[in-house]
Amino acid sequence: MKINCYLTLAILAILVLFAGCGKNKVEEVPAEPLPTPLELARAAFQQGVDDYSEKFYTDALTSFNQAREFYNQALPTATPADSVDVMIERTQLNVALTYMDMAHDNVAARIYDDALTQYESAVNIYKSLVPLTMTTKERDDYVAILYRNMALTAQNAGQFERALTYYDNVLVYEPGNGDI
């Protein structure tokens, strides 16, 4: 009787083992498609906006620059409805705005050399833009304002010859300005 009991248990164990092995088949789960450069650009742009609103300017610059890279990757396959060229311009404008705010903070902290470098970065961005969402005059007005800020910052730093150079640059964009 004991042998029958052990034999039954052994057979039952073997059946359970085979039944369990039969269910170890790997089910393939379809992989999610990788995000497109356009999707990555939009996400990076939004992260830049969020970082900027929290005044995490360095993080915002990183996110905006990533967005610009992804937008450039998306450009060859984008449709006109994607407005990638407009988004590249907006991204650049946000980078310039971020540099301006960093410069304003550094002026307030009397860190004039860093402020001048940041203003210069913003000026270079504006000057490199081929306007899509603004007029050339609006772009040039921003450049003149930045040069004026740079002149005042250089003056505050005691760098008077440098300030004169910046005032001369203002006159390029505002010829005949009697206040300069």
C-alpha atoms as a PDB file:
ATOM      1  CA  MET A   1       0.000   0.000   0.000  1.00  0.00           C
ATOM      2  CA  LYS A   2       2.833   2.322   0.833  1.00  0.00           C
ATOM      3  CA  ILE A   3       4.429   1.581  -2.511  1.00  0.00           C
ATOM      4  CA  ASN A   4       1.183   2.445  -4.329  1.00  0.00           C
ATOM      5  CA  CYS A   5       0.968   5.687  -2.393  1.00  0.00           C
ATOM      6  CA  TYR A   6       4.574   6.622  -3.242  1.00  0.00           C
ATOM      7  CA  LEU A   7       4.078   5.584  -6.851  1.00  0.00           C
ATOM      8  CA  THR A   8       0.941   7.713  -7.103  1.00  0.00           C
ATOM      9  CA  LEU A   9       2.726  10.700  -5.579  1.00  0.00           C
ATOM     10  CA  ALA A  10       5.665  10.254  -7.951  1.00  0.00           C
ATOM     11  CA  ILE A  11       3.381  10.072 -10.979  1.00  0.00           C
ATOM     12  CA  LEU A  12       1.458  13.121  -9.736  1.00  0.00           C
ATOM     13  CA  ALA A  13       4.707  15.043  -9.240  1.00  0.00           C
ATOM     14  CA  ILE A  14       5.851  14.150 -12.766  1.00  0.00           C
ATOM     15  CA  LEU A  15       2.513  15.290 -14.208  1.00  0.00           C
ATOM     16  CA  VAL A  16       2.700  18.577 -12.325  1.00  0.00           C
ATOM     17  CA  LEU A  17       6.265  19.036 -13.537  1.00  0.00           C
ATOM     18  CA  PHE A  18       5.321  18.404 -17.184  1.00  0.00           C
ATOM     19  CA  ALA A  19       2.250  20.595 -16.916  1.00  0.00           C
ATOM     20  CA  GLY A  20       4.357  23.434 -15.513  1.00  0.00           C
ATOM     21  CA  CYS A  21       7.024  23.051 -18.198  1.00  0.00           C
ATOM     22  CA  GLY A  22       4.440  23.235 -20.913  1.00  0.00           C
ATOM     23  CA  LYS A  23       3.468  26.720 -19.759  1.00  0.00           C
ATOM     24  CA  ASN A  24       6.988  28.160 -19.817  1.00  0.00           C
ATOM     25  CA  LYS A  25       6.608  29.306 -23.366  1.00  0.00           C
ATOM     26  CA  VAL A  26       7.850  32.850 -23.866  1.00  0.00           C
ATOM     27  CA  GLU A  27       5.162  35.151 -25.096  1.00  0.00           C
ATOM     28  CA  GLU A  28       6.502  37.866 -27.303  1.00  0.00           C
ATOM     29  CA  VAL A  29       5.311  41.322 -26.361  1.00  0.00           C
ATOM     30  CA  PRO A  30       5.435  43.729 -29.245  1.00  0.00           C
ATOM     31  CA  ALA A  31       8.062  46.409 -28.642  1.00  0.00           C
ATOM     32  CA  GLU A  32       6.895  49.982 -28.420  1.00  0.00           C
ATOM     33  CA  PRO A  33       8.121  52.044 -31.335  1.00  0.00           C
ATOM     34  CA  LEU A  34      10.971  54.402 -30.585  1.00  0.00           C
ATOM     35  CA  PRO A  35      10.003  58.074 -30.399  1.00  0.00           C
ATOM     36  CA  THR A  36      10.651  60.102 -33.522  1.00  0.00           C
ATOM     37  CA  PRO A  37      13.083  63.033 -33.514  1.00  0.00           C
ATOM     38  CA  LEU A  38      10.071  65.351 -33.708  1.00  0.00           C
ATOM     39  CA  GLU A  39       8.530  63.787 -30.595  1.00  0.00           C
ATOM     40  CA  LEU A  40      11.868  63.991 -28.778  1.00  0.00           C
ATOM     41  CA  ALA A  41      12.237  67.633 -29.849  1.00  0.00           C
ATOM     42  CA  ARG A  42       8.816  68.542 -28.526  1.00  0.00           C
ATOM     43  CA  ALA A  43       9.514  66.814 -25.204  1.00  0.00           C
ATOM     44  CA  ALA A  44      12.913  68.525 -24.837  1.00  0.00           C
ATOM     45  CA  PHE A  45      11.386  71.890 -25.736  1.00  0.00           C
ATOM     46  CA  GLN A  46       8.678  71.464 -23.082  1.00  0.00           C
ATOM     47  CA  GLN A  47      11.312  70.461 -20.527  1.00  0.00           C
ATOM     48  CA  GLY A  48      13.214  73.649 -21.404  1.00  0.00           C
ATOM     49  CA  VAL A  49      10.075  75.719 -20.886  1.00  0.00           C
ATOM     50  CA  ASP A  50       9.462  74.033 -17.523  1.00  0.00           C
ATOM     51  CA  ASP A  51      13.084  74.530 -16.424  1.00  0.00           C
ATOM     52  CA  TYR A  52      13.000  78.168 -17.523  1.00  0.00           C
ATOM     53  CA  SER A  53       9.807  78.858 -15.575  1.00  0.00           C
ATOM     54  CA  GLU A  54      11.487  77.399 -12.473  1.00  0.00           C
ATOM     55  CA  LYS A  55      14.527  79.637 -13.176  1.00  0.00           C
ATOM     56  CA  PHE A  56      16.774  76.607 -13.734  1.00  0.00           C
ATOM     57  CA  TYR A  57      18.464  78.457 -16.548  1.00  0.00           C
ATOM     58  CA  THR A  58      21.379  76.080 -17.138  1.00  0.00           C
ATOM     59  CA  ASP A  59      19.000  73.124 -17.361  1.00  0.00           C
ATOM     60  CA  ALA A  60      16.733  75.125 -19.658  1.00  0.00           C
ATOM     61  CA  LEU A  61      19.655  75.846 -21.992  1.00  0.00           C
ATOM     62  CA  THR A  62      20.527  72.151 -22.085  1.00  0.00           C
ATOM     63  CA  SER A  63      16.937  71.170 -22.893  1.00  0.00           C
ATOM     64  CA  PHE A  64      16.496  73.878 -25.526  1.00  0.00           C
ATOM     65  CA  ASN A  65      19.763  72.893 -27.211  1.00  0.00           C
ATOM     66  CA  GLN A  66      18.665  69.242 -27.236  1.00  0.00           C
ATOM     67  CA  ALA A  67      15.340  70.311 -28.731  1.00  0.00           C
ATOM     68  CA  ARG A  68      17.148  72.250 -31.466  1.00  0.00           C
ATOM     69  CA  GLU A  69      19.278  69.186 -32.309  1.00  0.00           C
ATOM     70  CA  PHE A  70      16.210  66.949 -32.514  1.00  0.00           C
ATOM     71  CA  TYR A  71      14.329  69.506 -34.620  1.00  0.00           C
ATOM     72  CA  ASN A  72      17.277  69.623 -37.025  1.00  0.00           C
ATOM     73  CA  GLN A  73      17.193  65.809 -37.233  1.00  0.00           C
ATOM     74  CA  ALA A  74      13.444  65.939 -37.931  1.00  0.00           C
ATOM     75  CA  LEU A  75      13.724  68.650 -40.586  1.00  0.00           C
ATOM     76  CA  PRO A  76      14.440  66.392 -43.613  1.00  0.00           C
ATOM     77  CA  THR A  77      11.346  64.223 -43.064  1.00  0.00           C
ATOM     78  CA  ALA A  78       9.007  66.797 -41.540  1.00  0.00           C
ATOM     79  CA  THR A  79       5.893  67.986 -43.272  1.00  0.00           C
ATOM     80  CA  PRO A  80       4.989  71.680 -43.544  1.00  0.00           C
ATOM     81  CA  ALA A  81       2.278  71.071 -40.931  1.00  0.00           C
ATOM     82  CA  ASP A  82       5.003  70.128 -38.418  1.00  0.00           C
ATOM     83  CA  SER A  83       6.355  73.721 -38.596  1.00  0.00           C
ATOM     84  CA  VAL A  84       9.829  72.512 -37.693  1.00  0.00           C
ATOM     85  CA  ASP A  85      11.514  75.636 -39.074  1.00  0.00           C
ATOM     86  CA  VAL A  86       9.288  77.818 -36.883  1.00  0.00           C
ATOM     87  CA  MET A  87       9.994  75.628 -33.851  1.00  0.00           C
ATOM     88  CA  ILE A  88      13.733  75.903 -34.467  1.00  0.00           C
ATOM     89  CA  GLU A  89      13.362  79.682 -34.449  1.00  0.00           C
ATOM     90  CA  ARG A  90      11.257  79.598 -31.270  1.00  0.00           C
ATOM     91  CA  THR A  91      13.833  77.355 -29.638  1.00  0.00           C
ATOM     92  CA  GLN A  92      16.600  79.789 -30.578  1.00  0.00           C
ATOM     93  CA  LEU A  93      14.573  82.704 -29.239  1.00  0.00           C
ATOM     94  CA  ASN A  94      14.089  80.838 -25.965  1.00  0.00           C
ATOM     95  CA  VAL A  95      17.820  80.198 -25.737  1.00  0.00           C
ATOM     96  CA  ALA A  96      18.468  83.921 -26.273  1.00  0.00           C
ATOM     97  CA  LEU A  97      15.858  84.847 -23.672  1.00  0.00           C
ATOM     98  CA  THR A  98      17.426  82.424 -21.200  1.00  0.00           C
ATOM     99  CA  TYR A  99      20.853  84.000 -21.762  1.00  0.00           C
ATOM    100  CA  MET A 100      19.345  87.462 -21.248  1.00  0.00           C
ATOM    101  CA  ASP A 101      17.760  86.452 -17.952  1.00  0.00           C
ATOM    102  CA  MET A 102      21.014  84.867 -16.808  1.00  0.00           C
ATOM    103  CA  ALA A 103      22.789  88.108 -17.705  1.00  0.00           C
ATOM    104  CA  HIS A 104      20.219  90.194 -15.787  1.00  0.00           C
ATOM    105  CA  ASP A 105      20.760  87.991 -12.712  1.00  0.00           C
ATOM    106  CA  ASN A 106      24.529  88.379 -13.031  1.00  0.00           C
ATOM    107  CA  VAL A 107      24.251  92.150 -13.387  1.00  0.00           C
ATOM    108  CA  ALA A 108      22.175  92.223 -10.201  1.00  0.00           C
ATOM    109  CA  ALA A 109      24.884  90.136  -8.507  1.00  0.00           C
ATOM    110  CA  ARG A 110      27.574  92.426 -10.000  1.00  0.00           C
ATOM    111  CA  ILE A 111      29.167  89.582 -11.930  1.00  0.00           C
ATOM    112  CA  TYR A 112      29.669  91.774 -14.955  1.00  0.00           C
ATOM    113  CA  ASP A 113      32.027  89.641 -17.054  1.00  0.00           C
ATOM    114  CA  ASP A 114      29.635  86.674 -16.998  1.00  0.00           C
ATOM    115  CA  ALA A 115      26.745  88.996 -17.772  1.00  0.00           C
ATOM    116  CA  LEU A 116      28.562  90.431 -20.790  1.00  0.00           C
ATOM    117  CA  THR A 117      29.330  86.919 -22.060  1.00  0.00           C
ATOM    118  CA  GLN A 118      25.679  85.940 -21.729  1.00  0.00           C
ATOM    119  CA  TYR A 119      24.470  89.107 -23.436  1.00  0.00           C
ATOM    120  CA  GLU A 120      26.949  88.401 -26.235  1.00  0.00           C
ATOM    121  CA  SER A 121      25.527  84.884 -26.629  1.00  0.00           C
ATOM    122  CA  ALA A 122      22.020  86.320 -26.900  1.00  0.00           C
ATOM    123  CA  VAL A 123      23.145  88.928 -29.458  1.00  0.00           C
ATOM    124  CA  ASN A 124      24.810  86.261 -31.587  1.00  0.00           C
ATOM    125  CA  ILE A 125      21.630  84.196 -31.613  1.00  0.00           C
ATOM    126  CA  TYR A 126      19.477  87.146 -32.667  1.00  0.00           C
ATOM    127  CA  LYS A 127      21.948  88.201 -35.343  1.00  0.00           C
ATOM    128  CA  SER A 128      22.055  84.656 -36.775  1.00  0.00           C
ATOM    129  CA  LEU A 129      18.274  84.378 -37.106  1.00  0.00           C
ATOM    130  CA  VAL A 130      16.535  84.607 -40.425  1.00  0.00           C
ATOM    131  CA  PRO A 131      13.208  85.881 -39.094  1.00  0.00           C
ATOM    132  CA  LEU A 132      10.156  83.704 -39.667  1.00  0.00           C
ATOM    133  CA  THR A 133       7.823  84.758 -36.871  1.00  0.00           C
ATOM    134  CA  MET A 134       9.097  88.311 -36.461  1.00  0.00           C
ATOM    135  CA  THR A 135      10.189  91.056 -38.770  1.00  0.00           C
ATOM    136  CA  THR A 136      13.794  91.961 -39.434  1.00  0.00           C
ATOM    137  CA  LYS A 137      13.147  95.279 -37.686  1.00  0.00           C
ATOM    138  CA  GLU A 138      11.908  93.511 -34.535  1.00  0.00           C
ATOM    139  CA  ARG A 139      14.996  91.307 -34.537  1.00  0.00           C
ATOM    140  CA  ASP A 140      17.262  94.327 -34.984  1.00  0.00           C
ATOM    141  CA  ASP A 141      15.456  96.178 -32.184  1.00  0.00           C
ATOM    142  CA  TYR A 142      16.256  93.294 -29.827  1.00  0.00           C
ATOM    143  CA  VAL A 143      19.903  93.389 -30.922  1.00  0.00           C
ATOM    144  CA  ALA A 144      20.055  97.146 -30.236  1.00  0.00           C
ATOM    145  CA  ILE A 145      18.508  96.661 -26.776  1.00  0.00           C
ATOM    146  CA  LEU A 146      21.034  93.949 -25.981  1.00  0.00           C
ATOM    147  CA  TYR A 147      23.936  96.154 -27.103  1.00  0.00           C
ATOM    148  CA  ARG A 148      22.552  98.950 -24.927  1.00  0.00           C
ATOM    149  CA  ASN A 149      22.413  96.553 -21.951  1.00  0.00           C
ATOM    150  CA  MET A 150      25.946  95.456 -22.706  1.00  0.00           C
ATOM    151  CA  ALA A 151      27.142  99.072 -22.817  1.00  0.00           C
ATOM    152  CA  LEU A 152      25.565  99.821 -19.442  1.00  0.00           C
ATOM    153  CA  THR A 153      26.991  96.617 -17.959  1.00  0.00           C
ATOM    154  CA  ALA A 154      30.479  97.424 -19.256  1.00  0.00           C
ATOM    155  CA  GLN A 155      30.120 100.938 -17.826  1.00  0.00           C
ATOM    156  CA  ASN A 156      29.148  99.496 -14.425  1.00  0.00           C
ATOM    157  CA  ALA A 157      32.185  97.223 -14.616  1.00  0.00           C
ATOM    158  CA  GLY A 158      34.426 100.239 -15.267  1.00  0.00           C
ATOM    159  CA  GLN A 159      35.228  98.988 -18.794  1.00  0.00           C
ATOM    160  CA  PHE A 160      34.587 102.311 -20.498  1.00  0.00           C
ATOM    161  CA  GLU A 161      36.270 101.623 -23.848  1.00  0.00           C
ATOM    162  CA  ARG A 162      34.312  98.405 -24.141  1.00  0.00           C
ATOM    163  CA  ALA A 163      31.130 100.349 -23.300  1.00  0.00           C
ATOM    164  CA  LEU A 164      31.893 102.795 -26.122  1.00  0.00           C
ATOM    165  CA  THR A 165      32.246  99.890 -28.542  1.00  0.00           C
ATOM    166  CA  TYR A 166      28.826  98.605 -27.499  1.00  0.00           C
ATOM    167  CA  TYR A 167      27.307 102.083 -27.881  1.00  0.00           C
ATOM    168  CA  ASP A 168      28.796 102.211 -31.386  1.00  0.00           C
ATOM    169  CA  ASN A 169      27.040  98.900 -32.089  1.00  0.00           C
ATOM    170  CA  VAL A 170      23.759 100.405 -30.899  1.00  0.00           C
ATOM    171  CA  LEU A 171      24.214 103.199 -33.443  1.00  0.00           C
ATOM    172  CA  VAL A 172      24.564 100.630 -36.224  1.00  0.00           C
ATOM    173  CA  TYR A 173      21.009  99.534 -35.446  1.00  0.00           C
ATOM    174  CA  GLU A 174      19.711 102.956 -34.417  1.00  0.00           C
ATOM    175  CA  PRO A 175      21.533 105.494 -36.589  1.00  0.00           C
ATOM    176  CA  GLY A 176      21.002 109.039 -35.506  1.00  0.00           C
ATOM    177  CA  ASN A 177      19.977 108.130 -31.955  1.00  0.00           C
ATOM    178  CA  GLY A 178      20.808 111.331 -30.076  1.00  0.00           C
ATOM    179  CA  ASP A 179      20.652 109.633 -26.659  1.00  0.00           C
ATOM    180  CA  ILE A 180      23.691 107.497 -27.410  1.00  0.00           C
END
